[in-house]
Amino acid sequence: MPLATERLRLRRLTLDDAPFILDLVNQPSWLENIGDKGVRGLDDARDFLRNGPLAMYARHGFGLYCIERAADGAAMGLCGLIKRDTLDDVDIGYALLPQYWGQGYAREAAAATLEHGVRDIGLQRIVAITSPGNGSSARLLESLGFRFERMLSLSRDDEVKLFGWSPA
């Protein structure tokens, strides 16, 4: 790992990414579509990294990656593969800072991540979950070949749309 596309580099996160994580997970779009992770300061951001992406790398060999612009190394968002206890299959997740929306970066990162999942990890099925009101995320998934499968309750008060994808 890292993954590279024409415009992007996807690399493993480190504890040095705490300031970026603090900014990203407190964006209104993250809070609305993904949820409040309780990250209020740099120590919380480091805990988020330790208990999330870094733990997943150690356990599964994959996780969320930092999306960087290849031209200047600017941290733009996250994209990667996640193994949740609440889902049978590995799912893809992504989030970008708002200034990078609408430029094809999320699709480019997600396409590279799907290829990585099949080629390097051997996945035969990848799923994705979105909040019911996140139409832009659903459209991105559909553009990559994901199909809506059903509504899914992850917890008593958290219903999401489940999408599935398999390589052609």
C-alpha atoms as a PDB file:
ATOM      1  CA  MET A   1       0.000   0.000   0.000  1.00  0.00           C
ATOM      2  CA  PRO A   2      -0.138   3.069  -0.934  1.00  0.00           C
ATOM      3  CA  LEU A   3      -2.522   3.250  -3.869  1.00  0.00           C
ATOM      4  CA  ALA A   4      -2.096   5.838  -6.582  1.00  0.00           C
ATOM      5  CA  THR A   5      -4.269   7.234  -9.347  1.00  0.00           C
ATOM      6  CA  GLU A   6      -3.564  10.004 -11.810  1.00  0.00           C
ATOM      7  CA  ARG A   7      -4.531  12.705  -9.299  1.00  0.00           C
ATOM      8  CA  LEU A   8      -4.507  10.967  -5.919  1.00  0.00           C
ATOM      9  CA  ARG A   9      -2.437   9.001  -3.460  1.00  0.00           C
ATOM     10  CA  LEU A  10      -4.111   6.812  -0.819  1.00  0.00           C
ATOM     11  CA  ARG A  11      -1.891   5.940   2.130  1.00  0.00           C
ATOM     12  CA  ARG A  12      -2.248   4.474   5.585  1.00  0.00           C
ATOM     13  CA  LEU A  13      -3.133   6.931   8.294  1.00  0.00           C
ATOM     14  CA  THR A  14      -0.735   7.629  11.165  1.00  0.00           C
ATOM     15  CA  LEU A  15      -1.083   9.428  14.495  1.00  0.00           C
ATOM     16  CA  ASP A  16       0.421  12.472  12.748  1.00  0.00           C
ATOM     17  CA  ASP A  17      -2.899  12.763  10.873  1.00  0.00           C
ATOM     18  CA  ALA A  18      -4.749  13.736  14.077  1.00  0.00           C
ATOM     19  CA  PRO A  19      -5.200  17.445  13.117  1.00  0.00           C
ATOM     20  CA  PHE A  20      -6.679  16.448   9.754  1.00  0.00           C
ATOM     21  CA  ILE A  21      -8.981  13.866  11.389  1.00  0.00           C
ATOM     22  CA  LEU A  22     -10.141  16.430  13.957  1.00  0.00           C
ATOM     23  CA  ASP A  23     -11.174  18.742  11.108  1.00  0.00           C
ATOM     24  CA  LEU A  24     -12.796  16.064   8.926  1.00  0.00           C
ATOM     25  CA  VAL A  25     -14.921  14.310  11.555  1.00  0.00           C
ATOM     26  CA  ASN A  26     -16.317  17.617  12.789  1.00  0.00           C
ATOM     27  CA  GLN A  27     -17.490  18.809   9.371  1.00  0.00           C
ATOM     28  CA  PRO A  28     -21.292  19.268   9.271  1.00  0.00           C
ATOM     29  CA  SER A  29     -21.520  16.734   6.412  1.00  0.00           C
ATOM     30  CA  TRP A  30     -19.665  14.078   8.465  1.00  0.00           C
ATOM     31  CA  LEU A  31     -21.825  14.714  11.518  1.00  0.00           C
ATOM     32  CA  GLU A  32     -25.021  14.498   9.443  1.00  0.00           C
ATOM     33  CA  ASN A  33     -24.167  11.506   7.233  1.00  0.00           C
ATOM     34  CA  ILE A  34     -21.751   9.446   9.321  1.00  0.00           C
ATOM     35  CA  GLY A  35     -22.338  10.580  12.881  1.00  0.00           C
ATOM     36  CA  ASP A  36     -20.694  12.265  15.822  1.00  0.00           C
ATOM     37  CA  LYS A  37     -17.635  10.256  16.872  1.00  0.00           C
ATOM     38  CA  GLY A  38     -17.027  12.405  19.956  1.00  0.00           C
ATOM     39  CA  VAL A  39     -13.722  13.727  18.608  1.00  0.00           C
ATOM     40  CA  ARG A  40     -13.305  17.135  20.265  1.00  0.00           C
ATOM     41  CA  GLY A  41      -9.536  17.578  20.441  1.00  0.00           C
ATOM     42  CA  LEU A  42      -6.248  16.159  19.214  1.00  0.00           C
ATOM     43  CA  ASP A  43      -6.144  13.488  21.935  1.00  0.00           C
ATOM     44  CA  ASP A  44      -9.600  12.301  20.825  1.00  0.00           C
ATOM     45  CA  ALA A  45      -8.433  12.299  17.204  1.00  0.00           C
ATOM     46  CA  ARG A  46      -5.414  10.156  18.110  1.00  0.00           C
ATOM     47  CA  ASP A  47      -7.727   7.762  20.003  1.00  0.00           C
ATOM     48  CA  PHE A  48     -10.028   7.636  16.948  1.00  0.00           C
ATOM     49  CA  LEU A  49      -7.027   6.703  14.796  1.00  0.00           C
ATOM     50  CA  ARG A  50      -5.667   4.120  17.285  1.00  0.00           C
ATOM     51  CA  ASN A  51      -9.012   2.406  17.862  1.00  0.00           C
ATOM     52  CA  GLY A  52     -10.241   2.653  14.267  1.00  0.00           C
ATOM     53  CA  PRO A  53      -7.953   2.658  11.225  1.00  0.00           C
ATOM     54  CA  LEU A  54      -4.710   1.668  12.991  1.00  0.00           C
ATOM     55  CA  ALA A  55      -6.386  -1.227  14.823  1.00  0.00           C
ATOM     56  CA  MET A  56      -8.027  -2.365  11.583  1.00  0.00           C
ATOM     57  CA  TYR A  57      -4.674  -2.379   9.739  1.00  0.00           C
ATOM     58  CA  ALA A  58      -3.257  -4.613  12.481  1.00  0.00           C
ATOM     59  CA  ARG A  59      -6.273  -6.929  12.555  1.00  0.00           C
ATOM     60  CA  HIS A  60      -7.194  -7.185   8.860  1.00  0.00           C
ATOM     61  CA  GLY A  61      -4.362  -5.635   6.853  1.00  0.00           C
ATOM     62  CA  PHE A  62      -6.656  -2.932   5.470  1.00  0.00           C
ATOM     63  CA  GLY A  63      -8.752  -0.010   6.682  1.00  0.00           C
ATOM     64  CA  LEU A  64      -9.458   3.618   5.903  1.00  0.00           C
ATOM     65  CA  TYR A  65      -6.732   5.450   3.997  1.00  0.00           C
ATOM     66  CA  CYS A  66      -5.898   9.135   3.777  1.00  0.00           C
ATOM     67  CA  ILE A  67      -6.676  10.576   0.340  1.00  0.00           C
ATOM     68  CA  GLU A  68      -3.936  13.000  -0.671  1.00  0.00           C
ATOM     69  CA  ARG A  69      -3.762  15.160  -3.777  1.00  0.00           C
ATOM     70  CA  ALA A  70      -0.772  13.854  -5.727  1.00  0.00           C
ATOM     71  CA  ALA A  71       0.273  17.317  -6.900  1.00  0.00           C
ATOM     72  CA  ASP A  72       0.898  18.771  -3.440  1.00  0.00           C
ATOM     73  CA  GLY A  73       0.176  16.125  -0.779  1.00  0.00           C
ATOM     74  CA  ALA A  74      -2.874  17.975   0.585  1.00  0.00           C
ATOM     75  CA  ALA A  75      -5.013  15.716   2.804  1.00  0.00           C
ATOM     76  CA  MET A  76      -8.459  15.705   1.196  1.00  0.00           C
ATOM     77  CA  GLY A  77     -10.427  12.956   2.906  1.00  0.00           C
ATOM     78  CA  LEU A  78     -10.651   9.263   3.721  1.00  0.00           C
ATOM     79  CA  CYS A  79     -11.453   6.215   1.626  1.00  0.00           C
ATOM     80  CA  GLY A  80     -10.962   2.571   2.366  1.00  0.00           C
ATOM     81  CA  LEU A  81     -12.277  -0.826   3.301  1.00  0.00           C
ATOM     82  CA  ILE A  82     -13.820  -1.503   6.696  1.00  0.00           C
ATOM     83  CA  LYS A  83     -14.699  -4.783   8.413  1.00  0.00           C
ATOM     84  CA  ARG A  84     -17.526  -3.989  10.812  1.00  0.00           C
ATOM     85  CA  ASP A  85     -18.878  -6.414  13.384  1.00  0.00           C
ATOM     86  CA  THR A  86     -22.386  -5.417  12.262  1.00  0.00           C
ATOM     87  CA  LEU A  87     -21.934  -6.447   8.588  1.00  0.00           C
ATOM     88  CA  ASP A  88     -21.141  -9.841   7.064  1.00  0.00           C
ATOM     89  CA  ASP A  89     -19.111  -8.329   4.219  1.00  0.00           C
ATOM     90  CA  VAL A  90     -16.311  -5.780   4.039  1.00  0.00           C
ATOM     91  CA  ASP A  91     -17.645  -2.330   3.191  1.00  0.00           C
ATOM     92  CA  ILE A  92     -16.192   0.678   1.465  1.00  0.00           C
ATOM     93  CA  GLY A  93     -16.308   4.053   3.141  1.00  0.00           C
ATOM     94  CA  TYR A  94     -15.304   7.519   2.024  1.00  0.00           C
ATOM     95  CA  ALA A  95     -15.565  11.148   3.099  1.00  0.00           C
ATOM     96  CA  LEU A  96     -13.985  14.287   1.675  1.00  0.00           C
ATOM     97  CA  LEU A  97     -13.572  17.780   3.023  1.00  0.00           C
ATOM     98  CA  PRO A  98     -16.236  19.975   1.360  1.00  0.00           C
ATOM     99  CA  GLN A  99     -13.750  21.996  -0.703  1.00  0.00           C
ATOM    100  CA  TYR A 100     -12.959  18.813  -2.672  1.00  0.00           C
ATOM    101  CA  TRP A 101     -16.549  17.820  -3.488  1.00  0.00           C
ATOM    102  CA  GLY A 102     -17.850  17.742  -7.056  1.00  0.00           C
ATOM    103  CA  GLN A 103     -14.473  17.185  -8.722  1.00  0.00           C
ATOM    104  CA  GLY A 104     -14.541  13.398  -9.110  1.00  0.00           C
ATOM    105  CA  TYR A 105     -12.064  12.746  -6.296  1.00  0.00           C
ATOM    106  CA  ALA A 106     -14.352  10.488  -4.241  1.00  0.00           C
ATOM    107  CA  ARG A 107     -15.188   8.347  -7.276  1.00  0.00           C
ATOM    108  CA  GLU A 108     -11.508   8.111  -8.262  1.00  0.00           C
ATOM    109  CA  ALA A 109     -10.476   7.071  -4.747  1.00  0.00           C
ATOM    110  CA  ALA A 110     -13.359   4.594  -4.417  1.00  0.00           C
ATOM    111  CA  ALA A 111     -12.601   2.972  -7.793  1.00  0.00           C
ATOM    112  CA  ALA A 112      -8.942   2.486  -6.776  1.00  0.00           C
ATOM    113  CA  THR A 113     -10.066   1.075  -3.423  1.00  0.00           C
ATOM    114  CA  LEU A 114     -12.417  -1.436  -5.086  1.00  0.00           C
ATOM    115  CA  GLU A 115      -9.617  -2.574  -7.396  1.00  0.00           C
ATOM    116  CA  HIS A 116      -7.318  -2.946  -4.368  1.00  0.00           C
ATOM    117  CA  GLY A 117      -9.983  -4.997  -2.566  1.00  0.00           C
ATOM    118  CA  VAL A 118     -10.297  -7.465  -5.424  1.00  0.00           C
ATOM    119  CA  ARG A 119      -6.678  -7.595  -6.637  1.00  0.00           C
ATOM    120  CA  ASP A 120      -4.730  -7.387  -3.376  1.00  0.00           C
ATOM    121  CA  ILE A 121      -7.157  -8.687  -0.743  1.00  0.00           C
ATOM    122  CA  GLY A 122      -9.152 -11.176  -2.823  1.00  0.00           C
ATOM    123  CA  LEU A 123     -12.618  -9.856  -1.978  1.00  0.00           C
ATOM    124  CA  GLN A 124     -15.457 -11.190  -4.113  1.00  0.00           C
ATOM    125  CA  ARG A 125     -18.120  -8.899  -2.662  1.00  0.00           C
ATOM    126  CA  ILE A 126     -17.971  -5.430  -1.159  1.00  0.00           C
ATOM    127  CA  VAL A 127     -20.874  -3.554   0.375  1.00  0.00           C
ATOM    128  CA  ALA A 128     -21.532   0.064   1.267  1.00  0.00           C
ATOM    129  CA  ILE A 129     -23.904   1.779   3.643  1.00  0.00           C
ATOM    130  CA  THR A 130     -25.305   5.290   3.384  1.00  0.00           C
ATOM    131  CA  SER A 131     -27.696   7.343   5.423  1.00  0.00           C
ATOM    132  CA  PRO A 132     -31.127   7.451   3.745  1.00  0.00           C
ATOM    133  CA  GLY A 133     -30.827  11.149   2.871  1.00  0.00           C
ATOM    134  CA  ASN A 134     -27.344  10.993   1.334  1.00  0.00           C
ATOM    135  CA  GLY A 135     -28.312  10.961  -2.346  1.00  0.00           C
ATOM    136  CA  SER A 136     -24.897  12.053  -3.610  1.00  0.00           C
ATOM    137  CA  SER A 137     -23.227   9.062  -1.955  1.00  0.00           C
ATOM    138  CA  ALA A 138     -25.860   6.692  -3.366  1.00  0.00           C
ATOM    139  CA  ARG A 139     -25.309   8.119  -6.879  1.00  0.00           C
ATOM    140  CA  LEU A 140     -21.540   7.703  -6.536  1.00  0.00           C
ATOM    141  CA  LEU A 141     -21.990   4.064  -5.488  1.00  0.00           C
ATOM    142  CA  GLU A 142     -24.358   3.384  -8.390  1.00  0.00           C
ATOM    143  CA  SER A 143     -21.850   4.946 -10.825  1.00  0.00           C
ATOM    144  CA  LEU A 144     -19.314   2.349  -9.601  1.00  0.00           C
ATOM    145  CA  GLY A 145     -21.731  -0.547 -10.183  1.00  0.00           C
ATOM    146  CA  PHE A 146     -23.163  -0.908  -6.673  1.00  0.00           C
ATOM    147  CA  ARG A 147     -26.835  -1.873  -6.454  1.00  0.00           C
ATOM    148  CA  PHE A 148     -29.232  -0.973  -3.662  1.00  0.00           C
ATOM    149  CA  GLU A 149     -30.153  -4.161  -1.787  1.00  0.00           C
ATOM    150  CA  ARG A 150     -32.240  -3.184   1.228  1.00  0.00           C
ATOM    151  CA  MET A 151     -32.685  -0.979   4.255  1.00  0.00           C
ATOM    152  CA  LEU A 152     -30.678  -2.233   7.215  1.00  0.00           C
ATOM    153  CA  SER A 153     -30.876  -1.461  10.933  1.00  0.00           C
ATOM    154  CA  LEU A 154     -27.398  -1.215  12.448  1.00  0.00           C
ATOM    155  CA  SER A 155     -28.858  -0.304  15.823  1.00  0.00           C
ATOM    156  CA  ARG A 156     -32.210   0.569  17.330  1.00  0.00           C
ATOM    157  CA  ASP A 157     -32.201   4.095  15.909  1.00  0.00           C
ATOM    158  CA  ASP A 158     -29.780   3.825  12.971  1.00  0.00           C
ATOM    159  CA  GLU A 159     -31.287   2.641   9.683  1.00  0.00           C
ATOM    160  CA  VAL A 160     -29.092   2.788   6.571  1.00  0.00           C
ATOM    161  CA  LYS A 161     -29.250   1.855   2.903  1.00  0.00           C
ATOM    162  CA  LEU A 162     -27.193  -1.243   2.047  1.00  0.00           C
ATOM    163  CA  PHE A 163     -25.589  -1.449  -1.403  1.00  0.00           C
ATOM    164  CA  GLY A 164     -23.697  -4.442  -2.805  1.00  0.00           C
ATOM    165  CA  TRP A 165     -20.998  -4.833  -5.463  1.00  0.00           C
ATOM    166  CA  SER A 166     -19.168  -7.775  -7.018  1.00  0.00           C
ATOM    167  CA  PRO A 167     -16.409  -7.669  -9.643  1.00  0.00           C
ATOM    168  CA  ALA A 168     -17.560  -8.309 -13.205  1.00  0.00           C
END
